[in-house]
Amino acid sequence: QVQLVESGGGLVQAGGSLRLSCATSGPIFSIRAMGWYRQAPGKQRELVATVTSGGNTNSNYADAVSGRFTISRDNAKNTLYLQMNSLKPEDTAVYYCNADLFTPESGVWTAKNYWGKGTLVTVSS
């Protein structure tokens, strides 16, 4: 069974930095794209950043984090990272890892989408 496990969240003061990691495990043939999403209390889940299989240069960021956050991917380890700098109180949220990947299902490599359980980031003012 494929699993995504986030780590690195915590409490940080405004202006500080955190680095999130998302480790994958299970039967994975290849990963097409990975991304970070976040959900603040009382709000809908929103995209933070994504990166495709083309490499770390094929990345996309939400306007709210562009220039402050950097998404990167270690293809050898199938691990995703999010370096978050200049954090603001409005960045407080649960951060979720997402992956589009190929995994065996009934003997056939099948494209599926997976979510991690999230890691909480709290930025104090």
PDB file of N, CA and C in Angstrom:
ATOM      1  N   GLN A   1       0.840  -1.181   0.000  1.00  0.00           N
ATOM      2  CA  GLN A   1       0.000   0.000   0.000  1.00  0.00           C
ATOM      3  C   GLN A   1       0.884   1.243   0.000  1.00  0.00           C
ATOM      4  N   VAL A   2       0.596   2.156  -0.901  1.00  0.00           N
ATOM      5  CA  VAL A   2       1.370   3.390  -0.968  1.00  0.00           C
ATOM      6  C   VAL A   2       1.014   4.283   0.217  1.00  0.00           C
ATOM      7  N   GLN A   3       2.032   4.875   0.803  1.00  0.00           N
ATOM      8  CA  GLN A   3       1.822   5.821   1.897  1.00  0.00           C
ATOM      9  C   GLN A   3       2.670   7.060   1.679  1.00  0.00           C
ATOM     10  N   LEU A   4       2.112   8.199   2.076  1.00  0.00           N
ATOM     11  CA  LEU A   4       2.830   9.459   2.078  1.00  0.00           C
ATOM     12  C   LEU A   4       2.851   9.948   3.527  1.00  0.00           C
ATOM     13  N   VAL A   5       4.035  10.262   4.035  1.00  0.00           N
ATOM     14  CA  VAL A   5       4.153  10.690   5.424  1.00  0.00           C
ATOM     15  C   VAL A   5       4.904  12.012   5.481  1.00  0.00           C
ATOM     16  N   GLU A   6       4.191  13.030   5.970  1.00  0.00           N
ATOM     17  CA  GLU A   6       4.793  14.351   6.099  1.00  0.00           C
ATOM     18  C   GLU A   6       5.493  14.495   7.453  1.00  0.00           C
ATOM     19  N   SER A   7       6.504  15.345   7.475  1.00  0.00           N
ATOM     20  CA  SER A   7       7.193  15.668   8.728  1.00  0.00           C
ATOM     21  C   SER A   7       7.790  17.062   8.608  1.00  0.00           C
ATOM     22  N   GLY A   8       8.195  17.611   9.748  1.00  0.00           N
ATOM     23  CA  GLY A   8       8.879  18.897   9.745  1.00  0.00           C
ATOM     24  C   GLY A   8       8.041  20.074  10.211  1.00  0.00           C
ATOM     25  N   GLY A   9       6.765  19.837  10.455  1.00  0.00           N
ATOM     26  CA  GLY A   9       5.933  20.934  10.928  1.00  0.00           C
ATOM     27  C   GLY A   9       6.276  21.310  12.357  1.00  0.00           C
ATOM     28  N   GLY A  10       5.720  22.429  12.805  1.00  0.00           N
ATOM     29  CA  GLY A  10       5.964  22.860  14.168  1.00  0.00           C
ATOM     30  C   GLY A  10       5.581  24.303  14.368  1.00  0.00           C
ATOM     31  N   LEU A  11       6.028  24.850  15.487  1.00  0.00           N
ATOM     32  CA  LEU A  11       5.743  26.236  15.844  1.00  0.00           C
ATOM     33  C   LEU A  11       6.965  27.086  15.551  1.00  0.00           C
ATOM     34  N   VAL A  12       6.748  28.192  14.866  1.00  0.00           N
ATOM     35  CA  VAL A  12       7.848  29.083  14.511  1.00  0.00           C
ATOM     36  C   VAL A  12       7.357  30.522  14.582  1.00  0.00           C
ATOM     37  N   GLN A  13       8.256  31.429  14.877  1.00  0.00           N
ATOM     38  CA  GLN A  13       7.890  32.842  14.913  1.00  0.00           C
ATOM     39  C   GLN A  13       7.833  33.411  13.500  1.00  0.00           C
ATOM     40  N   ALA A  14       7.065  34.450  13.343  1.00  0.00           N
ATOM     41  CA  ALA A  14       6.988  35.128  12.049  1.00  0.00           C
ATOM     42  C   ALA A  14       8.387  35.551  11.609  1.00  0.00           C
ATOM     43  N   GLY A  15       8.661  35.324  10.321  1.00  0.00           N
ATOM     44  CA  GLY A  15       9.986  35.608   9.786  1.00  0.00           C
ATOM     45  C   GLY A  15      10.915  34.410   9.797  1.00  0.00           C
ATOM     46  N   GLY A  16      10.515  33.370  10.486  1.00  0.00           N
ATOM     47  CA  GLY A  16      11.341  32.174  10.588  1.00  0.00           C
ATOM     48  C   GLY A  16      11.173  31.244   9.405  1.00  0.00           C
ATOM     49  N   SER A  17      11.828  30.088   9.524  1.00  0.00           N
ATOM     50  CA  SER A  17      11.830  29.107   8.433  1.00  0.00           C
ATOM     51  C   SER A  17      11.520  27.715   8.963  1.00  0.00           C
ATOM     52  N   LEU A  18      10.959  26.914   8.095  1.00  0.00           N
ATOM     53  CA  LEU A  18      10.741  25.496   8.348  1.00  0.00           C
ATOM     54  C   LEU A  18      10.957  24.747   7.050  1.00  0.00           C
ATOM     55  N   ARG A  19      11.333  23.479   7.180  1.00  0.00           N
ATOM     56  CA  ARG A  19      11.451  22.621   6.011  1.00  0.00           C
ATOM     57  C   ARG A  19      10.594  21.383   6.214  1.00  0.00           C
ATOM     58  N   LEU A  20       9.617  21.222   5.324  1.00  0.00           N
ATOM     59  CA  LEU A  20       8.754  20.058   5.378  1.00  0.00           C
ATOM     60  C   LEU A  20       9.298  18.960   4.459  1.00  0.00           C
ATOM     61  N   SER A  21       9.061  17.735   4.869  1.00  0.00           N
ATOM     62  CA  SER A  21       9.429  16.583   4.051  1.00  0.00           C
ATOM     63  C   SER A  21       8.221  15.686   3.873  1.00  0.00           C
ATOM     64  N   CYS A  22       8.193  14.991   2.746  1.00  0.00           N
ATOM     65  CA  CYS A  22       7.140  14.007   2.472  1.00  0.00           C
ATOM     66  C   CYS A  22       7.806  12.758   1.933  1.00  0.00           C
ATOM     67  N   ALA A  23       7.804  11.718   2.745  1.00  0.00           N
ATOM     68  CA  ALA A  23       8.410  10.458   2.348  1.00  0.00           C
ATOM     69  C   ALA A  23       7.348   9.518   1.803  1.00  0.00           C
ATOM     70  N   THR A  24       7.668   8.860   0.696  1.00  0.00           N
ATOM     71  CA  THR A  24       6.742   7.903   0.107  1.00  0.00           C
ATOM     72  C   THR A  24       7.238   6.484   0.355  1.00  0.00           C
ATOM     73  N   SER A  25       6.307   5.560   0.416  1.00  0.00           N
ATOM     74  CA  SER A  25       6.653   4.154   0.561  1.00  0.00           C
ATOM     75  C   SER A  25       5.591   3.316  -0.121  1.00  0.00           C
ATOM     76  N   GLY A  26       5.955   2.051  -0.387  1.00  0.00           N
ATOM     77  CA  GLY A  26       5.020   1.161  -1.044  1.00  0.00           C
ATOM     78  C   GLY A  26       5.407   0.930  -2.490  1.00  0.00           C
ATOM     79  N   PRO A  27       4.577   0.165  -3.190  1.00  0.00           N
ATOM     80  CA  PRO A  27       4.888  -0.180  -4.573  1.00  0.00           C
ATOM     81  C   PRO A  27       4.617   0.986  -5.525  1.00  0.00           C
ATOM     82  N   ILE A  28       5.689   1.641  -5.949  1.00  0.00           N
ATOM     83  CA  ILE A  28       5.586   2.802  -6.829  1.00  0.00           C
ATOM     84  C   ILE A  28       6.448   2.551  -8.053  1.00  0.00           C
ATOM     85  N   PHE A  29       5.826   2.631  -9.231  1.00  0.00           N
ATOM     86  CA  PHE A  29       6.589   2.502 -10.469  1.00  0.00           C
ATOM     87  C   PHE A  29       7.222   3.830 -10.838  1.00  0.00           C
ATOM     88  N   SER A  30       6.410   4.862 -10.816  1.00  0.00           N
ATOM     89  CA  SER A  30       6.924   6.194 -11.107  1.00  0.00           C
ATOM     90  C   SER A  30       5.956   7.227 -10.549  1.00  0.00           C
ATOM     91  N   ILE A  31       6.475   8.406 -10.317  1.00  0.00           N
ATOM     92  CA  ILE A  31       5.665   9.513  -9.810  1.00  0.00           C
ATOM     93  C   ILE A  31       5.588  10.586 -10.878  1.00  0.00           C
ATOM     94  N   ARG A  32       4.383  10.946 -11.253  1.00  0.00           N
ATOM     95  CA  ARG A  32       4.207  11.947 -12.307  1.00  0.00           C
ATOM     96  C   ARG A  32       4.328  13.359 -11.753  1.00  0.00           C
ATOM     97  N   ALA A  33       3.743  13.581 -10.604  1.00  0.00           N
ATOM     98  CA  ALA A  33       3.764  14.921 -10.017  1.00  0.00           C
ATOM     99  C   ALA A  33       3.533  14.819  -8.524  1.00  0.00           C
ATOM    100  N   MET A  34       4.086  15.769  -7.805  1.00  0.00           N
ATOM    101  CA  MET A  34       3.867  15.849  -6.367  1.00  0.00           C
ATOM    102  C   MET A  34       3.595  17.295  -5.999  1.00  0.00           C
ATOM    103  N   GLY A  35       2.954  17.475  -4.883  1.00  0.00           N
ATOM    104  CA  GLY A  35       2.641  18.839  -4.497  1.00  0.00           C
ATOM    105  C   GLY A  35       2.357  18.981  -3.015  1.00  0.00           C
ATOM    106  N   TRP A  36       2.350  20.218  -2.588  1.00  0.00           N
ATOM    107  CA  TRP A  36       1.980  20.570  -1.217  1.00  0.00           C
ATOM    108  C   TRP A  36       0.698  21.394  -1.265  1.00  0.00           C
ATOM    109  N   TYR A  37      -0.196  21.074  -0.380  1.00  0.00           N
ATOM    110  CA  TYR A  37      -1.433  21.811  -0.201  1.00  0.00           C
ATOM    111  C   TYR A  37      -1.531  22.157   1.277  1.00  0.00           C
ATOM    112  N   ARG A  38      -2.386  23.131   1.589  1.00  0.00           N
ATOM    113  CA  ARG A  38      -2.570  23.476   2.993  1.00  0.00           C
ATOM    114  C   ARG A  38      -4.031  23.824   3.262  1.00  0.00           C
ATOM    115  N   GLN A  39      -4.398  23.630   4.522  1.00  0.00           N
ATOM    116  CA  GLN A  39      -5.751  23.955   4.945  1.00  0.00           C
ATOM    117  C   GLN A  39      -5.694  24.654   6.288  1.00  0.00           C
ATOM    118  N   ALA A  40      -6.098  25.918   6.271  1.00  0.00           N
ATOM    119  CA  ALA A  40      -6.155  26.703   7.500  1.00  0.00           C
ATOM    120  C   ALA A  40      -7.496  26.471   8.188  1.00  0.00           C
ATOM    121  N   PRO A  41      -7.579  26.722   9.480  1.00  0.00           N
ATOM    122  CA  PRO A  41      -8.845  26.522  10.199  1.00  0.00           C
ATOM    123  C   PRO A  41      -9.982  27.300   9.557  1.00  0.00           C
ATOM    124  N   GLY A  42     -11.078  26.607   9.274  1.00  0.00           N
ATOM    125  CA  GLY A  42     -12.248  27.245   8.709  1.00  0.00           C
ATOM    126  C   GLY A  42     -12.152  27.568   7.236  1.00  0.00           C
ATOM    127  N   LYS A  43     -11.080  27.117   6.589  1.00  0.00           N
ATOM    128  CA  LYS A  43     -10.913  27.414   5.164  1.00  0.00           C
ATOM    129  C   LYS A  43     -10.786  26.126   4.359  1.00  0.00           C
ATOM    130  N   GLN A  44     -10.934  26.253   3.047  1.00  0.00           N
ATOM    131  CA  GLN A  44     -10.781  25.114   2.169  1.00  0.00           C
ATOM    132  C   GLN A  44      -9.304  24.820   1.929  1.00  0.00           C
ATOM    133  N   ARG A  45      -9.039  23.578   1.580  1.00  0.00           N
ATOM    134  CA  ARG A  45      -7.685  23.203   1.226  1.00  0.00           C
ATOM    135  C   ARG A  45      -7.272  23.938  -0.048  1.00  0.00           C
ATOM    136  N   GLU A  46      -6.027  24.429  -0.068  1.00  0.00           N
ATOM    137  CA  GLU A  46      -5.559  25.187  -1.217  1.00  0.00           C
ATOM    138  C   GLU A  46      -4.167  24.711  -1.635  1.00  0.00           C
ATOM    139  N   LEU A  47      -3.881  24.923  -2.909  1.00  0.00           N
ATOM    140  CA  LEU A  47      -2.590  24.545  -3.455  1.00  0.00           C
ATOM    141  C   LEU A  47      -1.512  25.488  -2.937  1.00  0.00           C
ATOM    142  N   VAL A  48      -0.369  24.922  -2.585  1.00  0.00           N
ATOM    143  CA  VAL A  48       0.789  25.713  -2.196  1.00  0.00           C
ATOM    144  C   VAL A  48       1.825  25.686  -3.317  1.00  0.00           C
ATOM    145  N   ALA A  49       2.207  24.484  -3.725  1.00  0.00           N
ATOM    146  CA  ALA A  49       3.215  24.346  -4.774  1.00  0.00           C
ATOM    147  C   ALA A  49       3.172  22.934  -5.333  1.00  0.00           C
ATOM    148  N   THR A  50       3.525  22.815  -6.611  1.00  0.00           N
ATOM    149  CA  THR A  50       3.599  21.505  -7.239  1.00  0.00           C
ATOM    150  C   THR A  50       4.870  21.406  -8.064  1.00  0.00           C
ATOM    151  N   VAL A  51       5.301  20.173  -8.282  1.00  0.00           N
ATOM    152  CA  VAL A  51       6.461  19.920  -9.136  1.00  0.00           C
ATOM    153  C   VAL A  51       6.178  18.647  -9.920  1.00  0.00           C
ATOM    154  N   THR A  52       6.515  18.679 -11.218  1.00  0.00           N
ATOM    155  CA  THR A  52       6.218  17.540 -12.075  1.00  0.00           C
ATOM    156  C   THR A  52       7.432  16.630 -12.197  1.00  0.00           C
ATOM    157  N   SER A  53       7.243  15.567 -12.952  1.00  0.00           N
ATOM    158  CA  SER A  53       8.317  14.607 -13.127  1.00  0.00           C
ATOM    159  C   SER A  53       9.449  15.158 -13.963  1.00  0.00           C
ATOM    160  N   GLY A  54       9.222  16.315 -14.576  1.00  0.00           N
ATOM    161  CA  GLY A  54      10.274  16.909 -15.388  1.00  0.00           C
ATOM    162  C   GLY A  54      11.424  17.453 -14.582  1.00  0.00           C
ATOM    163  N   GLY A  55      11.280  17.483 -13.290  1.00  0.00           N
ATOM    164  CA  GLY A  55      12.372  17.973 -12.466  1.00  0.00           C
ATOM    165  C   GLY A  55      11.968  19.186 -11.665  1.00  0.00           C
ATOM    166  N   ASN A  56      12.876  19.631 -10.839  1.00  0.00           N
ATOM    167  CA  ASN A  56      12.556  20.722  -9.926  1.00  0.00           C
ATOM    168  C   ASN A  56      12.300  22.038 -10.645  1.00  0.00           C
ATOM    169  N   THR A  57      12.697  22.127 -11.920  1.00  0.00           N
ATOM    170  CA  THR A  57      12.445  23.368 -12.635  1.00  0.00           C
ATOM    171  C   THR A  57      10.993  23.477 -13.077  1.00  0.00           C
ATOM    172  N   ASN A  58      10.298  22.362 -13.145  1.00  0.00           N
ATOM    173  CA  ASN A  58       8.890  22.383 -13.547  1.00  0.00           C
ATOM    174  C   ASN A  58       8.015  22.496 -12.317  1.00  0.00           C
ATOM    175  N   SER A  59       8.083  23.653 -11.678  1.00  0.00           N
ATOM    176  CA  SER A  59       7.343  23.862 -10.449  1.00  0.00           C
ATOM    177  C   SER A  59       6.359  25.012 -10.602  1.00  0.00           C
ATOM    178  N   ASN A  60       5.369  24.996  -9.728  1.00  0.00           N
ATOM    179  CA  ASN A  60       4.316  25.992  -9.770  1.00  0.00           C
ATOM    180  C   ASN A  60       3.989  26.385  -8.339  1.00  0.00           C
ATOM    181  N   TYR A  61       3.791  27.678  -8.104  1.00  0.00           N
ATOM    182  CA  TYR A  61       3.552  28.175  -6.756  1.00  0.00           C
ATOM    183  C   TYR A  61       2.282  29.029  -6.692  1.00  0.00           C
ATOM    184  N   ALA A  62       1.630  28.966  -5.557  1.00  0.00           N
ATOM    185  CA  ALA A  62       0.549  29.908  -5.291  1.00  0.00           C
ATOM    186  C   ALA A  62       1.146  31.298  -5.126  1.00  0.00           C
ATOM    187  N   ASP A  63       0.397  32.309  -5.534  1.00  0.00           N
ATOM    188  CA  ASP A  63       0.895  33.683  -5.430  1.00  0.00           C
ATOM    189  C   ASP A  63       1.284  34.033  -3.991  1.00  0.00           C
ATOM    190  N   ALA A  64       0.542  33.501  -3.029  1.00  0.00           N
ATOM    191  CA  ALA A  64       0.760  33.865  -1.635  1.00  0.00           C
ATOM    192  C   ALA A  64       2.112  33.394  -1.100  1.00  0.00           C
ATOM    193  N   VAL A  65       2.722  32.402  -1.752  1.00  0.00           N
ATOM    194  CA  VAL A  65       3.986  31.854  -1.240  1.00  0.00           C
ATOM    195  C   VAL A  65       5.138  32.041  -2.217  1.00  0.00           C
ATOM    196  N   SER A  66       4.857  32.498  -3.407  1.00  0.00           N
ATOM    197  CA  SER A  66       5.901  32.663  -4.414  1.00  0.00           C
ATOM    198  C   SER A  66       6.989  33.608  -3.903  1.00  0.00           C
ATOM    199  N   GLY A  67       8.237  33.161  -4.064  1.00  0.00           N
ATOM    200  CA  GLY A  67       9.352  33.967  -3.599  1.00  0.00           C
ATOM    201  C   GLY A  67       9.772  33.674  -2.176  1.00  0.00           C
ATOM    202  N   ARG A  68       8.921  32.979  -1.419  1.00  0.00           N
ATOM    203  CA  ARG A  68       9.238  32.638  -0.026  1.00  0.00           C
ATOM    204  C   ARG A  68       9.403  31.121   0.160  1.00  0.00           C
ATOM    205  N   PHE A  69       8.650  30.342  -0.576  1.00  0.00           N
ATOM    206  CA  PHE A  69       8.685  28.886  -0.467  1.00  0.00           C
ATOM    207  C   PHE A  69       9.380  28.295  -1.685  1.00  0.00           C
ATOM    208  N   THR A  70      10.055  27.172  -1.456  1.00  0.00           N
ATOM    209  CA  THR A  70      10.691  26.450  -2.554  1.00  0.00           C
ATOM    210  C   THR A  70      10.359  24.975  -2.448  1.00  0.00           C
ATOM    211  N   ILE A  71       9.783  24.439  -3.516  1.00  0.00           N
ATOM    212  CA  ILE A  71       9.476  23.015  -3.561  1.00  0.00           C
ATOM    213  C   ILE A  71      10.604  22.299  -4.285  1.00  0.00           C
ATOM    214  N   SER A  72      10.958  21.128  -3.785  1.00  0.00           N
ATOM    215  CA  SER A  72      11.988  20.336  -4.447  1.00  0.00           C
ATOM    216  C   SER A  72      11.688  18.862  -4.254  1.00  0.00           C
ATOM    217  N   ARG A  73      12.311  18.071  -5.099  1.00  0.00           N
ATOM    218  CA  ARG A  73      11.988  16.650  -5.117  1.00  0.00           C
ATOM    219  C   ARG A  73      13.270  15.857  -5.320  1.00  0.00           C
ATOM    220  N   ASP A  74      13.441  14.835  -4.517  1.00  0.00           N
ATOM    221  CA  ASP A  74      14.551  13.897  -4.681  1.00  0.00           C
ATOM    222  C   ASP A  74      13.978  12.664  -5.371  1.00  0.00           C
ATOM    223  N   ASN A  75      14.206  12.568  -6.663  1.00  0.00           N
ATOM    224  CA  ASN A  75      13.595  11.476  -7.420  1.00  0.00           C
ATOM    225  C   ASN A  75      14.124  10.111  -7.005  1.00  0.00           C
ATOM    226  N   ALA A  76      15.376  10.068  -6.598  1.00  0.00           N
ATOM    227  CA  ALA A  76      15.959   8.784  -6.199  1.00  0.00           C
ATOM    228  C   ALA A  76      15.277   8.243  -4.945  1.00  0.00           C
ATOM    229  N   LYS A  77      14.882   9.146  -4.069  1.00  0.00           N
ATOM    230  CA  LYS A  77      14.256   8.739  -2.815  1.00  0.00           C
ATOM    231  C   LYS A  77      12.741   8.875  -2.850  1.00  0.00           C
ATOM    232  N   ASN A  78      12.207   9.368  -3.947  1.00  0.00           N
ATOM    233  CA  ASN A  78      10.764   9.639  -4.029  1.00  0.00           C
ATOM    234  C   ASN A  78      10.302  10.461  -2.825  1.00  0.00           C
ATOM    235  N   THR A  79      11.068  11.476  -2.512  1.00  0.00           N
ATOM    236  CA  THR A  79      10.781  12.332  -1.368  1.00  0.00           C
ATOM    237  C   THR A  79      10.588  13.762  -1.844  1.00  0.00           C
ATOM    238  N   LEU A  80       9.629  14.408  -1.242  1.00  0.00           N
ATOM    239  CA  LEU A  80       9.285  15.785  -1.590  1.00  0.00           C
ATOM    240  C   LEU A  80       9.616  16.693  -0.421  1.00  0.00           C
ATOM    241  N   TYR A  81      10.069  17.906  -0.733  1.00  0.00           N
ATOM    242  CA  TYR A  81      10.410  18.875   0.304  1.00  0.00           C
ATOM    243  C   TYR A  81       9.715  20.209   0.048  1.00  0.00           C
ATOM    244  N   LEU A  82       9.556  20.967   1.091  1.00  0.00           N
ATOM    245  CA  LEU A  82       9.070  22.339   0.973  1.00  0.00           C
ATOM    246  C   LEU A  82       9.867  23.196   1.943  1.00  0.00           C
ATOM    247  N   GLN A  83      10.727  24.033   1.400  1.00  0.00           N
ATOM    248  CA  GLN A  83      11.470  24.981   2.215  1.00  0.00           C
ATOM    249  C   GLN A  83      10.648  26.250   2.341  1.00  0.00           C
ATOM    250  N   MET A  84      10.318  26.606   3.571  1.00  0.00           N
ATOM    251  CA  MET A  84       9.460  27.756   3.810  1.00  0.00           C
ATOM    252  C   MET A  84      10.245  28.812   4.569  1.00  0.00           C
ATOM    253  N   ASN A  85      10.441  29.953   3.933  1.00  0.00           N
ATOM    254  CA  ASN A  85      11.172  31.069   4.537  1.00  0.00           C
ATOM    255  C   ASN A  85      10.243  32.255   4.728  1.00  0.00           C
ATOM    256  N   SER A  86      10.672  33.184   5.545  1.00  0.00           N
ATOM    257  CA  SER A  86       9.901  34.411   5.795  1.00  0.00           C
ATOM    258  C   SER A  86       8.447  34.081   6.117  1.00  0.00           C
ATOM    259  N   LEU A  87       8.263  33.163   7.018  1.00  0.00           N
ATOM    260  CA  LEU A  87       6.919  32.706   7.339  1.00  0.00           C
ATOM    261  C   LEU A  87       6.086  33.809   7.970  1.00  0.00           C
ATOM    262  N   LYS A  88       4.798  33.778   7.664  1.00  0.00           N
ATOM    263  CA  LYS A  88       3.843  34.756   8.161  1.00  0.00           C
ATOM    264  C   LYS A  88       2.758  34.032   8.955  1.00  0.00           C
ATOM    265  N   PRO A  89       2.097  34.738   9.869  1.00  0.00           N
ATOM    266  CA  PRO A  89       1.000  34.097  10.611  1.00  0.00           C
ATOM    267  C   PRO A  89      -0.062  33.493   9.694  1.00  0.00           C
ATOM    268  N   GLU A  90      -0.284  34.104   8.547  1.00  0.00           N
ATOM    269  CA  GLU A  90      -1.288  33.565   7.616  1.00  0.00           C
ATOM    270  C   GLU A  90      -0.849  32.280   6.934  1.00  0.00           C
ATOM    271  N   ASP A  91       0.382  31.867   7.148  1.00  0.00           N
ATOM    272  CA  ASP A  91       0.828  30.567   6.634  1.00  0.00           C
ATOM    273  C   ASP A  91       0.441  29.429   7.575  1.00  0.00           C
ATOM    274  N   THR A  92      -0.109  29.763   8.720  1.00  0.00           N
ATOM    275  CA  THR A  92      -0.529  28.738   9.674  1.00  0.00           C
ATOM    276  C   THR A  92      -1.602  27.852   9.060  1.00  0.00           C
ATOM    277  N   ALA A  93      -1.338  26.548   9.048  1.00  0.00           N
ATOM    278  CA  ALA A  93      -2.249  25.593   8.428  1.00  0.00           C
ATOM    279  C   ALA A  93      -1.711  24.182   8.626  1.00  0.00           C
ATOM    280  N   VAL A  94      -2.542  23.221   8.295  1.00  0.00           N
ATOM    281  CA  VAL A  94      -2.060  21.847   8.140  1.00  0.00           C
ATOM    282  C   VAL A  94      -1.604  21.693   6.694  1.00  0.00           C
ATOM    283  N   TYR A  95      -0.387  21.242   6.528  1.00  0.00           N
ATOM    284  CA  TYR A  95       0.194  21.079   5.205  1.00  0.00           C
ATOM    285  C   TYR A  95       0.142  19.610   4.794  1.00  0.00           C
ATOM    286  N   TYR A  96      -0.395  19.377   3.608  1.00  0.00           N
ATOM    287  CA  TYR A  96      -0.590  18.026   3.094  1.00  0.00           C
ATOM    288  C   TYR A  96       0.268  17.790   1.856  1.00  0.00           C
ATOM    289  N   CYS A  97       0.792  16.597   1.771  1.00  0.00           N
ATOM    290  CA  CYS A  97       1.534  16.151   0.601  1.00  0.00           C
ATOM    291  C   CYS A  97       0.586  15.380  -0.322  1.00  0.00           C
ATOM    292  N   ASN A  98       0.769  15.560  -1.614  1.00  0.00           N
ATOM    293  CA  ASN A  98      -0.060  14.876  -2.608  1.00  0.00           C
ATOM    294  C   ASN A  98       0.821  14.314  -3.709  1.00  0.00           C
ATOM    295  N   ALA A  99       0.459  13.154  -4.227  1.00  0.00           N
ATOM    296  CA  ALA A  99       1.248  12.551  -5.295  1.00  0.00           C
ATOM    297  C   ALA A  99       0.360  11.888  -6.332  1.00  0.00           C
ATOM    298  N   ASP A 100       0.670  12.119  -7.586  1.00  0.00           N
ATOM    299  CA  ASP A 100       0.104  11.386  -8.716  1.00  0.00           C
ATOM    300  C   ASP A 100       1.148  10.365  -9.147  1.00  0.00           C
ATOM    301  N   LEU A 101       0.820   9.108  -9.054  1.00  0.00           N
ATOM    302  CA  LEU A 101       1.830   8.100  -9.320  1.00  0.00           C
ATOM    303  C   LEU A 101       1.213   6.845  -9.929  1.00  0.00           C
ATOM    304  N   PHE A 102       2.114   5.977 -10.402  1.00  0.00           N
ATOM    305  CA  PHE A 102       1.706   4.681 -10.927  1.00  0.00           C
ATOM    306  C   PHE A 102       2.032   3.604  -9.902  1.00  0.00           C
ATOM    307  N   THR A 103       1.023   2.815  -9.564  1.00  0.00           N
ATOM    308  CA  THR A 103       1.163   1.736  -8.590  1.00  0.00           C
ATOM    309  C   THR A 103       0.436   0.508  -9.138  1.00  0.00           C
ATOM    310  N   PRO A 104       0.902  -0.699  -8.816  1.00  0.00           N
ATOM    311  CA  PRO A 104       0.247  -1.887  -9.358  1.00  0.00           C
ATOM    312  C   PRO A 104      -1.128  -2.116  -8.748  1.00  0.00           C
ATOM    313  N   GLU A 105      -2.083  -2.395  -9.613  1.00  0.00           N
ATOM    314  CA  GLU A 105      -3.433  -2.730  -9.179  1.00  0.00           C
ATOM    315  C   GLU A 105      -3.915  -3.868 -10.069  1.00  0.00           C
ATOM    316  N   SER A 106      -4.132  -5.022  -9.457  1.00  0.00           N
ATOM    317  CA  SER A 106      -4.519  -6.220 -10.214  1.00  0.00           C
ATOM    318  C   SER A 106      -3.511  -6.528 -11.312  1.00  0.00           C
ATOM    319  N   GLY A 107      -2.244  -6.330 -10.983  1.00  0.00           N
ATOM    320  CA  GLY A 107      -1.178  -6.664 -11.904  1.00  0.00           C
ATOM    321  C   GLY A 107      -0.923  -5.642 -12.988  1.00  0.00           C
ATOM    322  N   VAL A 108      -1.614  -4.520 -12.943  1.00  0.00           N
ATOM    323  CA  VAL A 108      -1.453  -3.489 -13.968  1.00  0.00           C
ATOM    324  C   VAL A 108      -0.996  -2.194 -13.296  1.00  0.00           C
ATOM    325  N   TRP A 109      -0.013  -1.544 -13.905  1.00  0.00           N
ATOM    326  CA  TRP A 109       0.405  -0.247 -13.361  1.00  0.00           C
ATOM    327  C   TRP A 109      -0.720   0.754 -13.601  1.00  0.00           C
ATOM    328  N   THR A 110      -1.202   1.313 -12.529  1.00  0.00           N
ATOM    329  CA  THR A 110      -2.380   2.159 -12.576  1.00  0.00           C
ATOM    330  C   THR A 110      -2.072   3.531 -11.982  1.00  0.00           C
ATOM    331  N   ALA A 111      -2.550   4.572 -12.661  1.00  0.00           N
ATOM    332  CA  ALA A 111      -2.348   5.924 -12.145  1.00  0.00           C
ATOM    333  C   ALA A 111      -3.333   6.193 -11.010  1.00  0.00           C
ATOM    334  N   LYS A 112      -2.794   6.615  -9.877  1.00  0.00           N
ATOM    335  CA  LYS A 112      -3.635   6.911  -8.725  1.00  0.00           C
ATOM    336  C   LYS A 112      -3.112   8.156  -8.022  1.00  0.00           C
ATOM    337  N   ASN A 113      -3.981   8.734  -7.217  1.00  0.00           N
ATOM    338  CA  ASN A 113      -3.646   9.935  -6.474  1.00  0.00           C
ATOM    339  C   ASN A 113      -3.706   9.651  -4.975  1.00  0.00           C
ATOM    340  N   TYR A 114      -2.689  10.116  -4.255  1.00  0.00           N
ATOM    341  CA  TYR A 114      -2.620   9.843  -2.825  1.00  0.00           C
ATOM    342  C   TYR A 114      -2.382  11.127  -2.040  1.00  0.00           C
ATOM    343  N   TRP A 115      -2.876  11.115  -0.797  1.00  0.00           N
ATOM    344  CA  TRP A 115      -2.670  12.217   0.140  1.00  0.00           C
ATOM    345  C   TRP A 115      -2.002  11.689   1.406  1.00  0.00           C
ATOM    346  N   GLY A 116      -1.156  12.523   2.010  1.00  0.00           N
ATOM    347  CA  GLY A 116      -0.670  12.229   3.343  1.00  0.00           C
ATOM    348  C   GLY A 116      -1.672  12.714   4.380  1.00  0.00           C
ATOM    349  N   LYS A 117      -1.345  12.488   5.652  1.00  0.00           N
ATOM    350  CA  LYS A 117      -2.257  12.877   6.719  1.00  0.00           C
ATOM    351  C   LYS A 117      -2.023  14.292   7.201  1.00  0.00           C
ATOM    352  N   GLY A 118      -0.942  14.904   6.770  1.00  0.00           N
ATOM    353  CA  GLY A 118      -0.712  16.299   7.083  1.00  0.00           C
ATOM    354  C   GLY A 118       0.219  16.537   8.254  1.00  0.00           C
ATOM    355  N   THR A 119       0.827  17.730   8.247  1.00  0.00           N
ATOM    356  CA  THR A 119       1.669  18.167   9.355  1.00  0.00           C
ATOM    357  C   THR A 119       1.320  19.624   9.658  1.00  0.00           C
ATOM    358  N   LEU A 120       1.197  19.945  10.921  1.00  0.00           N
ATOM    359  CA  LEU A 120       0.730  21.264  11.327  1.00  0.00           C
ATOM    360  C   LEU A 120       1.879  22.261  11.395  1.00  0.00           C
ATOM    361  N   VAL A 121       1.671  23.388  10.754  1.00  0.00           N
ATOM    362  CA  VAL A 121       2.606  24.510  10.818  1.00  0.00           C
ATOM    363  C   VAL A 121       1.887  25.675  11.496  1.00  0.00           C
ATOM    364  N   THR A 122       2.479  26.170  12.561  1.00  0.00           N
ATOM    365  CA  THR A 122       1.905  27.296  13.286  1.00  0.00           C
ATOM    366  C   THR A 122       2.927  28.418  13.330  1.00  0.00           C
ATOM    367  N   VAL A 123       2.530  29.580  12.829  1.00  0.00           N
ATOM    368  CA  VAL A 123       3.419  30.739  12.799  1.00  0.00           C
ATOM    369  C   VAL A 123       2.860  31.793  13.754  1.00  0.00           C
ATOM    370  N   SER A 124       3.637  32.124  14.758  1.00  0.00           N
ATOM    371  CA  SER A 124       3.190  33.106  15.746  1.00  0.00           C
ATOM    372  C   SER A 124       3.665  34.501  15.360  1.00  0.00           C
ATOM    373  N   SER A 125       2.867  35.478  15.743  1.00  0.00           N
ATOM    374  CA  SER A 125       3.217  36.866  15.396  1.00  0.00           C
ATOM    375  C   SER A 125       4.080  37.514  16.447  1.00  0.00           C
TER     376      SER A 125
END
